[in-house]
Protein backbone atom coordinates (compact mmCIF):
# COMPACT_ATOMS: atom_id res chain seq x y z
CA MET A 1 -28.16 1.07 12.38
CA THR A 2 -28.48 -1.78 9.75
CA ALA A 3 -25.54 -2.98 7.91
CA ARG A 4 -26.61 -1.02 4.69
CA GLU A 5 -27.08 2.12 6.63
CA LEU A 6 -23.49 1.69 7.98
CA ALA A 7 -22.14 1.11 4.71
CA LEU A 8 -23.99 3.97 3.23
CA GLU A 9 -22.63 6.14 5.88
CA VAL A 10 -19.04 5.25 5.38
CA LEU A 11 -19.50 5.55 1.40
CA THR A 12 -20.67 8.99 1.88
CA ARG A 13 -18.31 10.07 4.37
CA VAL A 14 -15.30 8.63 2.40
CA GLU A 15 -16.52 10.56 -0.86
CA GLU A 16 -17.29 13.87 0.92
CA ASP A 17 -14.34 13.86 3.32
CA ARG A 18 -11.58 11.76 1.40
CA ALA A 19 -11.43 9.71 4.65
CA PHE A 20 -9.85 6.25 4.85
CA ALA A 21 -12.50 3.51 4.34
CA GLY A 22 -10.95 1.03 6.59
CA LEU A 23 -10.53 3.43 9.71
CA LEU A 24 -14.12 4.88 9.31
CA LEU A 25 -15.51 1.40 8.75
CA ASP A 26 -13.75 -0.12 12.01
CA HIS A 27 -14.98 3.01 13.96
CA HIS A 28 -18.48 2.53 12.98
CA LEU A 29 -18.44 -1.14 13.22
CA ASN A 30 -16.87 -1.26 16.80
CA ARG A 31 -19.96 1.03 17.78
CA SER A 32 -22.64 -0.54 15.92
CA GLY A 33 -23.64 -3.52 17.91
CA LEU A 34 -24.25 -5.49 14.72
CA SER A 35 -23.96 -9.22 14.66
CA ALA A 36 -21.03 -10.88 13.08
CA ARG A 37 -22.97 -11.63 10.00
CA ASP A 38 -24.15 -8.19 9.63
CA ARG A 39 -20.67 -6.79 10.19
CA ARG A 40 -19.51 -9.05 7.34
CA LEU A 41 -22.20 -7.57 5.08
CA ALA A 42 -21.40 -4.16 5.81
CA THR A 43 -17.83 -4.82 5.15
CA GLU A 44 -18.54 -6.58 1.91
CA LEU A 45 -20.96 -3.63 0.64
CA THR A 46 -18.39 -0.72 1.36
CA TYR A 47 -15.39 -2.30 -0.26
CA GLY A 48 -17.39 -3.72 -3.12
CA VAL A 49 -18.87 -0.33 -4.00
CA LEU A 50 -15.41 1.15 -3.76
CA ARG A 51 -13.81 -1.53 -5.61
CA TRP A 52 -16.48 -1.34 -8.60
CA GLY A 53 -17.71 2.13 -8.38
CA GLY A 54 -16.64 3.06 -11.94
CA ARG A 55 -18.40 0.02 -13.42
CA LEU A 56 -21.52 0.66 -11.25
CA ASP A 57 -21.63 4.23 -12.38
CA ALA A 58 -21.62 2.95 -16.05
CA TYR A 59 -24.48 0.83 -15.42
CA LEU A 60 -26.41 3.64 -13.45
CA ARG A 61 -25.79 6.27 -16.24
CA ARG A 62 -27.68 3.84 -18.72
CA THR A 63 -30.70 3.72 -16.50
CA SER A 64 -30.88 7.02 -14.79
CA HIS A 65 -32.38 10.06 -16.48
CA ARG A 66 -30.51 12.41 -14.10
CA PRO A 67 -26.68 12.80 -14.33
CA LEU A 68 -25.16 11.04 -11.29
CA ALA A 69 -22.77 14.11 -10.77
CA GLY A 70 -25.64 16.19 -10.00
CA LEU A 71 -26.95 13.91 -7.16
CA PRO A 72 -26.31 14.58 -3.66
CA SER A 73 -23.29 12.14 -2.53
CA TRP A 74 -25.42 9.91 -0.22
CA LEU A 75 -27.99 9.49 -3.01
CA ARG A 76 -25.31 8.71 -5.60
CA ASN A 77 -23.91 6.26 -3.14
CA LEU A 78 -27.22 4.77 -2.29
CA LEU A 79 -27.73 3.92 -6.05
CA ARG A 80 -24.19 2.29 -6.10
CA LEU A 81 -25.01 0.45 -3.04
CA GLY A 82 -28.27 -1.14 -4.52
CA ALA A 83 -26.70 -1.72 -7.93
CA TYR A 84 -23.81 -3.71 -6.51
CA GLN A 85 -26.37 -5.90 -4.55
CA CYS A 86 -28.28 -6.58 -7.74
CA LEU A 87 -25.42 -7.24 -10.02
CA PHE A 88 -22.36 -8.62 -7.82
CA LEU A 89 -24.11 -10.44 -4.74
CA ASP A 90 -25.75 -13.82 -5.67
CA ARG A 91 -27.03 -14.43 -2.25
CA ILE A 92 -29.10 -11.23 -1.87
CA PRO A 93 -32.36 -11.40 -4.07
CA PRO A 94 -32.64 -8.25 -6.36
CA TYR A 95 -36.09 -7.51 -5.24
CA ALA A 96 -34.76 -7.52 -1.57
CA ALA A 97 -31.84 -5.36 -2.51
CA VAL A 98 -34.34 -2.69 -4.15
CA HIS A 99 -36.63 -2.84 -1.42
CA GLU A 100 -33.90 -2.06 1.17
CA SER A 101 -32.48 0.70 -1.07
CA VAL A 102 -36.11 2.36 -1.31
CA THR A 103 -36.36 2.16 2.42
CA LEU A 104 -33.13 4.03 2.94
CA ALA A 105 -34.24 6.58 0.24
CA LYS A 106 -37.41 7.06 2.24
CA ALA A 107 -35.54 7.66 5.42
CA ARG A 108 -32.92 10.15 4.03
CA GLY A 109 -35.16 11.85 1.37
CA HIS A 110 -38.79 12.12 0.32
CA GLU A 111 -41.32 10.10 -1.41
CA GLY A 112 -39.85 11.34 -4.96
CA ILE A 113 -36.50 10.32 -4.27
CA ALA A 114 -37.74 6.94 -3.38
CA LEU A 115 -39.61 6.45 -6.43
CA PHE A 116 -36.64 7.61 -8.28
CA VAL A 117 -34.24 4.81 -6.60
CA ASN A 118 -36.95 2.24 -7.20
CA ALA A 119 -37.11 3.02 -10.91
CA VAL A 120 -33.32 3.25 -11.57
CA LEU A 121 -32.50 -0.05 -9.70
CA ARG A 122 -35.53 -1.89 -11.46
CA ALA A 123 -34.05 -0.75 -14.61
CA VAL A 124 -30.70 -2.05 -13.56
CA ILE A 125 -31.97 -5.39 -12.85
CA ARG A 126 -33.87 -5.52 -16.48
CA HIS A 127 -30.58 -4.41 -18.19
CA GLY A 128 -28.54 -6.99 -16.32
CA LYS A 129 -24.65 -7.21 -16.37
CA LEU A 130 -24.21 -6.84 -20.03
CA LEU A 131 -22.62 -3.46 -20.69
CA GLU A 132 -21.69 -1.75 -23.92
CA GLU A 133 -18.07 -0.64 -23.52
CA PRO A 134 -16.38 2.45 -25.06
CA GLN A 135 -14.86 2.11 -28.27
CA ASP A 136 -11.70 3.37 -27.07
CA PRO A 137 -9.66 0.34 -25.71
CA LEU A 138 -8.25 2.39 -22.56
CA GLU A 139 -11.66 3.66 -21.85
CA ALA A 140 -13.00 0.21 -22.10
CA LEU A 141 -10.16 -1.18 -19.71
CA ALA A 142 -11.03 1.79 -17.49
CA VAL A 143 -14.88 0.72 -17.35
CA ARG A 144 -14.32 -3.09 -17.41
CA HIS A 145 -12.04 -3.02 -14.35
CA SER A 146 -13.43 -0.08 -12.68
CA PHE A 147 -10.16 2.24 -12.70
CA PRO A 148 -9.65 5.67 -13.44
CA LEU A 149 -8.55 6.43 -16.99
CA TRP A 150 -5.33 8.03 -15.94
CA LEU A 151 -4.13 5.19 -13.91
CA VAL A 152 -5.13 2.68 -16.83
CA ARG A 153 -3.32 4.95 -19.35
CA ARG A 154 -0.04 4.72 -17.17
CA TRP A 155 -0.10 1.12 -16.56
CA VAL A 156 -0.77 0.18 -20.04
CA GLY A 157 2.00 2.35 -21.19
CA ARG A 158 4.34 0.83 -18.83
CA TYR A 159 3.56 -2.83 -18.68
CA GLY A 160 1.43 -3.43 -21.84
CA ALA A 161 -2.36 -4.02 -22.02
CA GLU A 162 -2.49 -7.74 -21.16
CA GLU A 163 -0.27 -7.38 -18.07
CA ALA A 164 -1.89 -4.08 -16.90
CA GLU A 165 -5.32 -5.85 -17.30
CA THR A 166 -4.01 -8.71 -15.23
CA LEU A 167 -2.72 -6.31 -12.49
CA MET A 168 -5.90 -4.48 -12.15
CA THR A 169 -7.61 -7.88 -11.86
CA ALA A 170 -5.60 -8.69 -8.93
CA LEU A 171 -6.20 -5.44 -7.41
CA ASN A 172 -9.90 -5.81 -7.53
CA GLN A 173 -9.51 -9.24 -5.43
CA ARG A 174 -10.06 -9.32 -1.67
CA PRO A 175 -6.70 -9.59 -0.14
CA PRO A 176 -5.40 -12.47 1.87
CA PHE A 177 -5.47 -12.14 5.72
CA THR A 178 -1.78 -12.16 6.19
CA ILE A 179 -0.27 -11.93 9.83
CA ARG A 180 3.37 -11.73 11.12
CA VAL A 181 4.09 -14.10 13.95
CA ASN A 182 5.93 -12.46 16.86
CA THR A 183 8.87 -14.68 16.79
CA LEU A 184 10.21 -12.98 19.92
CA ARG A 185 7.58 -15.10 21.90
CA LEU A 186 7.09 -18.35 19.63
CA THR A 187 7.91 -19.89 16.37
CA ARG A 188 5.58 -19.82 13.23
CA GLU A 189 4.76 -23.59 13.84
CA GLU A 190 3.70 -22.87 17.18
CA MET A 191 1.42 -20.07 16.12
CA ILE A 192 -0.32 -22.13 13.91
CA LEU A 193 -1.36 -24.66 16.55
CA HIS A 194 -2.28 -21.43 18.48
CA LEU A 195 -4.60 -20.20 15.81
CA LYS A 196 -6.17 -23.79 15.11
CA SER A 197 -7.43 -23.67 18.94
CA GLU A 198 -9.07 -20.32 17.83
CA GLY A 199 -10.72 -21.97 15.08
CA ALA A 200 -8.45 -20.42 12.14
CA GLU A 201 -6.43 -22.63 9.62
CA ALA A 202 -3.25 -20.89 8.61
CA SER A 203 -0.51 -21.69 6.14
CA PRO A 204 2.95 -20.19 5.69
CA THR A 205 3.55 -17.28 3.33
CA PRO A 206 5.80 -18.38 0.48
CA TYR A 207 8.57 -15.83 0.98
CA ALA A 208 8.38 -14.20 4.50
CA PRO A 209 9.69 -16.88 7.05
CA GLU A 210 7.33 -15.43 9.96
CA GLY A 211 4.24 -14.73 7.71
CA LEU A 212 1.19 -16.70 7.84
CA ILE A 213 -2.13 -16.50 5.66
CA LEU A 214 -5.27 -17.29 7.51
CA ASP A 215 -8.08 -18.90 5.77
CA THR A 216 -10.82 -16.67 7.92
CA PRO A 217 -9.94 -13.12 9.07
CA LEU A 218 -9.90 -12.71 12.84
CA LEU A 219 -10.84 -9.68 14.68
CA PRO A 220 -7.99 -8.86 16.46
CA ASP A 221 -9.66 -7.25 19.66
CA SER A 222 -11.59 -10.68 19.94
CA SER A 223 -8.42 -13.02 19.38
CA PRO A 224 -6.72 -13.93 22.73
CA SER A 225 -3.42 -14.50 20.73
CA PHE A 226 -3.43 -11.22 19.36
CA ARG A 227 -4.13 -9.54 22.60
CA GLU A 228 -1.21 -11.66 24.04
CA GLY A 229 1.10 -10.17 21.34
CA LEU A 230 1.65 -13.33 19.46
CA TRP A 231 0.76 -11.77 16.23
CA THR A 232 0.04 -8.52 14.19
CA VAL A 233 -1.56 -7.97 10.84
CA GLN A 234 0.91 -7.19 8.06
CA ASP A 235 1.11 -7.87 4.56
CA GLU A 236 3.98 -10.08 3.28
CA ALA A 237 5.52 -7.57 1.06
CA SER A 238 5.62 -5.11 3.95
CA ILE A 239 7.41 -8.07 6.03
CA LEU A 240 10.07 -8.32 3.38
CA VAL A 241 10.97 -4.98 3.49
CA GLY A 242 12.19 -5.45 7.08
CA HIS A 243 14.13 -8.11 5.81
CA LEU A 244 15.72 -6.12 3.06
CA LEU A 245 17.01 -3.71 5.84
CA ALA A 246 18.25 -6.84 7.59
CA PRO A 247 18.95 -5.28 11.09
CA ARG A 248 21.26 -7.29 13.52
CA PRO A 249 20.99 -7.57 17.03
CA GLY A 250 23.03 -4.76 18.93
CA GLU A 251 22.71 -2.24 16.01
CA ARG A 252 21.57 1.35 16.10
CA VAL A 253 18.43 1.58 13.67
CA LEU A 254 16.47 4.63 12.53
CA ASP A 255 12.71 4.10 11.50
CA LEU A 256 11.51 7.22 9.87
CA CYS A 257 7.80 7.51 9.23
CA ALA A 258 7.34 4.71 11.97
CA ALA A 259 3.77 4.94 12.78
CA PRO A 260 1.60 2.89 13.22
CA GLY A 261 4.56 0.70 14.28
CA GLY A 262 4.04 -2.56 12.21
CA LYS A 263 7.59 -2.34 10.45
CA THR A 264 9.12 -1.10 13.72
CA GLY A 265 8.05 -4.10 15.76
CA HIS A 266 9.28 -6.32 12.91
CA LEU A 267 12.80 -4.71 12.93
CA ALA A 268 12.77 -5.40 16.81
CA GLN A 269 12.12 -8.93 16.07
CA LEU A 270 14.94 -9.30 13.64
CA MET A 271 17.30 -7.64 16.03
CA GLU A 272 16.17 -10.01 18.92
CA ASN A 273 15.19 -7.20 20.99
CA ARG A 274 18.67 -6.08 21.45
CA GLY A 275 20.19 -2.87 20.30
CA LEU A 276 18.29 0.51 19.59
CA ILE A 277 15.63 1.53 17.28
CA VAL A 278 14.61 5.09 17.01
CA GLY A 279 11.30 5.26 15.54
CA VAL A 280 10.12 8.85 14.33
CA ASP A 281 6.96 10.25 13.04
CA PRO A 282 5.29 13.70 12.63
CA HIS A 283 1.85 12.61 14.04
CA ALA A 284 1.30 12.31 17.49
CA GLY A 285 -1.77 10.21 17.26
CA ARG A 286 -0.28 7.86 15.01
CA LEU A 287 2.85 7.58 17.05
CA GLU A 288 0.74 6.63 20.02
CA LEU A 289 -0.48 3.52 17.95
CA ALA A 290 3.09 2.57 17.42
CA ARG A 291 3.73 2.88 21.23
CA GLU A 292 0.86 0.62 21.88
CA ALA A 293 1.84 -1.87 19.08
CA CYS A 294 5.38 -2.15 20.73
CA ARG A 295 4.00 -2.54 24.22
CA ARG A 296 1.58 -5.57 23.11
CA LEU A 297 4.52 -6.99 21.24
CA GLY A 298 6.80 -7.06 24.17
CA VAL A 299 9.20 -4.88 22.19
CA GLU A 300 11.56 -3.06 24.54
CA ILE A 301 14.53 -1.39 22.53
CA VAL A 302 12.29 1.27 20.49
CA GLU A 303 12.52 4.98 21.44
CA LEU A 304 9.68 6.80 19.78
CA VAL A 305 10.36 10.64 18.62
CA LEU A 306 7.84 12.88 17.58
CA GLY A 307 9.15 14.89 14.70
CA GLN A 308 11.20 14.58 11.49
CA ALA A 309 14.63 13.53 10.61
CA GLN A 310 15.95 17.01 10.64
CA THR A 311 15.33 17.06 14.38
CA LEU A 312 17.49 13.74 15.16
CA SER A 313 20.83 15.59 15.19
CA ARG A 314 21.49 14.82 18.81
CA HIS A 315 20.99 10.90 18.14
CA GLY A 316 24.13 10.84 16.08
CA SER A 317 24.51 8.47 13.08
CA PHE A 318 22.95 4.91 12.60
CA ASP A 319 23.98 1.54 11.23
CA ARG A 320 20.72 1.09 9.24
CA VAL A 321 17.77 3.60 8.31
CA LEU A 322 14.48 2.70 7.00
CA VAL A 323 12.37 5.19 5.22
CA ASP A 324 9.08 3.90 4.58
CA ALA A 325 7.89 7.01 2.85
CA PRO A 326 4.51 8.68 2.61
CA CYS A 327 3.23 7.91 -0.74
CA SER A 328 0.31 7.60 -3.13
CA ASN A 329 -0.77 3.93 -1.78
CA LEU A 330 -1.54 2.94 -5.33
CA GLY A 331 -0.07 -0.40 -4.60
CA ILE A 332 -2.57 -1.33 -1.90
CA LEU A 333 -5.69 -0.63 -3.64
CA ARG A 334 -6.90 -4.14 -2.73
CA ARG A 335 -6.91 -2.98 0.90
CA ALA A 336 -7.82 0.82 0.16
CA PRO A 337 -9.82 0.87 -2.93
CA GLU A 338 -11.24 4.31 -2.36
CA LEU A 339 -7.78 5.75 -3.23
CA LYS A 340 -8.34 4.63 -6.97
CA TRP A 341 -11.12 7.57 -6.83
CA SER A 342 -9.37 10.15 -4.62
CA ARG A 343 -5.88 10.20 -6.07
CA GLN A 344 -4.97 12.38 -8.85
CA GLU A 345 -2.05 11.96 -11.35
CA GLU A 346 -1.08 15.63 -10.42
CA GLU A 347 -0.23 14.66 -6.86
CA LEU A 348 2.57 12.51 -7.91
CA PRO A 349 5.26 15.36 -8.34
CA ARG A 350 4.06 16.76 -5.15
CA LEU A 351 4.67 13.50 -3.35
CA SER A 352 8.01 13.01 -5.05
CA ALA A 353 9.36 16.28 -3.96
CA THR A 354 8.35 15.33 -0.44
CA GLN A 355 10.07 11.93 -0.65
CA VAL A 356 13.19 13.46 -2.06
CA GLU A 357 13.31 15.82 1.09
CA ILE A 358 12.74 12.96 3.53
CA LEU A 359 15.31 10.57 2.01
CA GLU A 360 18.02 13.39 1.76
CA ALA A 361 17.65 13.94 5.48
CA ALA A 362 17.65 10.42 6.31
CA ALA A 363 20.95 9.89 4.22
CA ALA A 364 22.65 12.45 6.33
CA LEU A 365 21.94 10.06 9.35
CA VAL A 366 23.65 6.86 7.91
CA ARG A 367 27.19 6.03 9.19
CA PRO A 368 29.78 5.39 6.67
CA GLY A 369 29.43 1.62 5.82
CA GLY A 370 25.80 1.66 6.77
CA VAL A 371 22.69 0.97 4.85
CA ILE A 372 19.34 2.82 4.18
CA VAL A 373 16.37 1.33 2.52
CA TYR A 374 13.69 3.58 0.91
CA SER A 375 10.44 1.65 0.31
CA THR A 376 6.98 2.54 -0.68
CA CYS A 377 3.69 0.78 -1.29
CA SER A 378 3.32 2.41 -4.68
CA LEU A 379 4.57 1.06 -8.08
CA GLU A 380 4.79 4.65 -9.63
CA PRO A 381 8.29 5.66 -11.00
CA GLU A 382 8.03 9.17 -9.82
CA GLU A 383 7.89 7.87 -6.25
CA ASN A 384 10.63 5.24 -6.40
CA GLU A 385 13.21 5.35 -9.33
CA ALA A 386 13.18 9.19 -9.43
CA VAL A 387 13.52 9.67 -5.87
CA VAL A 388 16.47 7.17 -5.69
CA THR A 389 17.89 8.84 -8.71
CA ALA A 390 18.03 12.26 -7.04
CA LEU A 391 19.58 10.79 -4.02
CA LEU A 392 22.51 9.00 -6.22
CA THR A 393 23.11 11.93 -8.05
CA ARG A 394 23.66 14.36 -5.39
CA HIS A 395 25.63 11.53 -3.02
CA PRO A 396 27.84 9.33 -4.98
CA GLU A 397 28.77 7.81 -1.59
CA PHE A 398 25.60 5.96 -1.83
CA THR A 399 25.27 2.88 -4.06
CA PRO A 400 22.93 0.13 -4.67
CA ASP A 401 23.32 -2.92 -2.36
CA PRO A 402 21.47 -5.90 -3.76
CA PRO A 403 20.39 -8.72 -1.28
CA GLU A 404 22.48 -11.80 -1.09
CA PRO A 405 20.91 -15.03 -2.71
CA ASP A 406 20.01 -16.52 0.55
CA GLU A 407 17.96 -13.47 1.89
CA PRO A 408 14.21 -13.57 2.15
CA ALA A 409 13.63 -10.46 -0.11
CA THR A 410 15.71 -11.98 -2.99
CA PRO A 411 13.21 -13.83 -5.10
CA LEU A 412 11.33 -10.58 -5.55
CA THR A 413 14.23 -8.56 -6.52
CA GLY A 414 14.14 -9.48 -10.32
CA GLU A 415 15.45 -6.06 -11.45
CA SER A 416 19.05 -6.13 -10.32
CA CYS A 417 18.80 -4.32 -6.95
CA VAL A 418 15.10 -3.39 -6.96
CA PHE A 419 12.77 -5.03 -4.81
CA ARG A 420 9.31 -5.05 -6.48
CA ALA A 421 6.34 -7.00 -5.16
CA PHE A 422 3.30 -7.16 -7.50
CA PRO A 423 -0.29 -8.32 -6.60
CA HIS A 424 -0.90 -10.27 -9.59
CA LEU A 425 2.73 -12.08 -9.53
CA HIS A 426 3.30 -12.50 -5.92
CA GLY A 427 -0.16 -12.28 -4.44
CA THR A 428 1.17 -9.44 -1.91
CA ASP A 429 0.46 -5.67 -1.93
CA GLY A 430 2.34 -3.53 -4.47
CA PHE A 431 5.78 -2.61 -2.85
CA THR A 432 8.81 -0.99 -4.32
CA ALA A 433 12.05 -0.54 -2.30
CA PHE A 434 15.73 0.11 -2.92
CA ARG A 435 18.83 -0.97 -0.44
CA LEU A 436 21.62 1.63 -0.69
CA GLN A 437 25.02 1.46 1.13
CA HIS A 438 27.01 4.25 2.50
CA ALA A 439 30.65 3.82 1.24
CA GLU A 440 33.12 3.41 4.16
CA GLU A 441 35.48 5.84 2.40
CA PRO A 442 34.20 8.45 0.13
CA SER A 443 36.96 7.93 -2.73
CA CYS A 444 37.53 4.32 -4.11
CA LYS A 445 35.39 2.21 -1.97
CA ALA A 446 32.23 3.83 -3.50
CA GLU A 447 33.19 2.65 -7.00
CA ALA A 448 34.00 -0.79 -5.42
CA SER A 449 30.62 -0.84 -3.85
CA ARG A 450 28.88 0.21 -7.02
CA ALA A 451 30.91 -2.64 -9.01
CA ARG A 452 29.74 -5.29 -6.36
CA ALA A 453 26.27 -4.32 -6.56
CA LEU A 454 25.88 -4.19 -10.30
CA PRO A 455 28.98 -6.20 -11.61
CA ALA A 456 27.42 -7.53 -15.07
CA GLN A 457 25.90 -4.23 -15.96
CA ALA A 458 28.85 -2.27 -14.81
CA ARG A 459 31.11 -4.35 -17.21
CA GLY A 460 28.68 -4.47 -20.05
CA GLU A 461 28.37 -8.19 -19.93
CA VAL A 462 24.67 -8.05 -20.02
CA ARG A 463 22.02 -5.99 -21.73
CA PRO A 464 20.70 -3.62 -19.09
CA LEU A 465 17.05 -4.61 -18.22
CA GLY A 466 14.13 -2.80 -16.35
CA GLY A 467 13.95 0.29 -14.17
CA VAL A 468 17.05 -0.17 -12.42
CA ALA A 469 19.18 0.14 -15.64
CA ARG A 470 17.27 3.12 -16.46
CA LEU A 471 18.06 4.72 -12.93
CA GLU A 472 21.62 3.93 -13.23
CA ARG A 473 21.87 5.58 -16.79
CA ARG A 474 19.91 8.40 -15.48
CA VAL A 475 22.16 9.06 -12.66
CA ARG A 476 25.22 9.02 -15.13
CA GLU A 477 23.53 11.57 -17.33
CA THR A 478 22.31 13.71 -14.54
CA ARG A 479 25.77 13.83 -12.82
CA ARG A 480 27.39 14.67 -16.30
CA GLY A 481 24.87 17.46 -16.82
CA THR A 482 25.65 18.71 -13.16
CA GLU A 483 29.37 18.65 -13.88
CA GLU A 484 28.81 20.54 -17.10
CA GLY A 485 26.24 23.31 -16.15
CA GLY A 486 26.04 23.30 -12.43
CA GLU A 487 23.33 21.67 -10.02
CA ALA A 488 20.65 19.89 -11.61
CA PRO A 489 17.28 21.12 -10.85
CA LEU A 490 15.22 18.83 -8.88
CA ARG A 491 12.40 18.76 -11.58
CA ASP A 492 14.57 16.80 -13.86
CA LEU A 493 14.95 14.19 -11.38
CA LYS A 494 11.17 13.63 -10.62
CA GLY A 495 9.81 13.23 -14.18
CA GLY A 496 9.67 9.53 -13.61
CA LEU A 497 10.71 6.49 -15.63
CA THR A 498 8.21 4.67 -17.56
């Protein structure tokens, strides 16, 4: 199997089966026998087509006499693959891209399909990169940056056209190869020297104290230091979520949705491998990945449980609970660009309902005085502010708990007590997280905690800014409505904040 055949197979499966490109690509690469150079080419072709699929389709619609939607999936992706090489990859001569695409068409189809592919791609080359964009400004942005129109409309409405365009530009970039050093075994400075001996240069991440950015990605399975458990792949924003929870040695910690174990291992590091972490996940296969990750990293304080929060009553309450909720993943489109095309706006309310249920169950497991962190790799308000609003409305014993000035997560907490990481501002994946504290006593201490969390806003000394101010206002309004007319329907809490 060649690099192009492999890329075509992955792209077709992703479109037909809604498979995750990264997992599928790794599966095929590990069994391909391709050289390192061809592995890189297959990876570039796969992710390039997924990132730029919307714009590639615009080029192809201009040159194909047959509607793209009516073509077989493999043929549609073959045309995208050829057009991407012709228009986006300078090192591949266009004639070579056409020739290889025609060869693939002959192998998969018949002579007529090969002639069709040859004609379309040669027309793509003749027209070049210039493209007449739609007159509608939102549609023009969607084509220019290869994003679905519904997502462009949301982001322009929330951030404005200029910032939305900057965000989309960042999400179309190749992400940095970021790792988390296993500080149970060595320091970040020592890890830099280890990596240099493996031929990789590394520089510290700007926010996370145990993060490194490598100049060239390392294949984990071929890296001695990875096999020794000295590091693991993790984005800087994801690392900072662990710092937001801030577990201490000796504490009892619950990690819901723990698989595949990246954050679980980090929590153990922060606890110096002392205490107890109960990691829960409903998927047996993914839980086994977490078990293997803990073993490799030398983590000894994790008890992994197959199930959900509702099954944990025998474990008692916890000092700290992390809810890294299943979400739309729209903040990690640099790493999973296929989600641009598989996600639909209609899915967000359903995801929000699931997230509310998970957070409600998790809140019941936090001891008085304990802390819960709710996080998603999404920037969408239905999955973040609306979910936390639902919890605060029903449970006044929980209050926002912003990080202290010297905590690693503080620089990214620009909206009172919301941790929000943006690809175009911080160079990380898109993440949102809230830290909430359970009052030690349900009466006066809850109000005291709220006053500590938002002192200036509570006293009216500053003009409320951003999503948190809207969240706080919405909680008050919903509570008032509940007091006047009974329980607030969940749909009122999930509409999102824009």
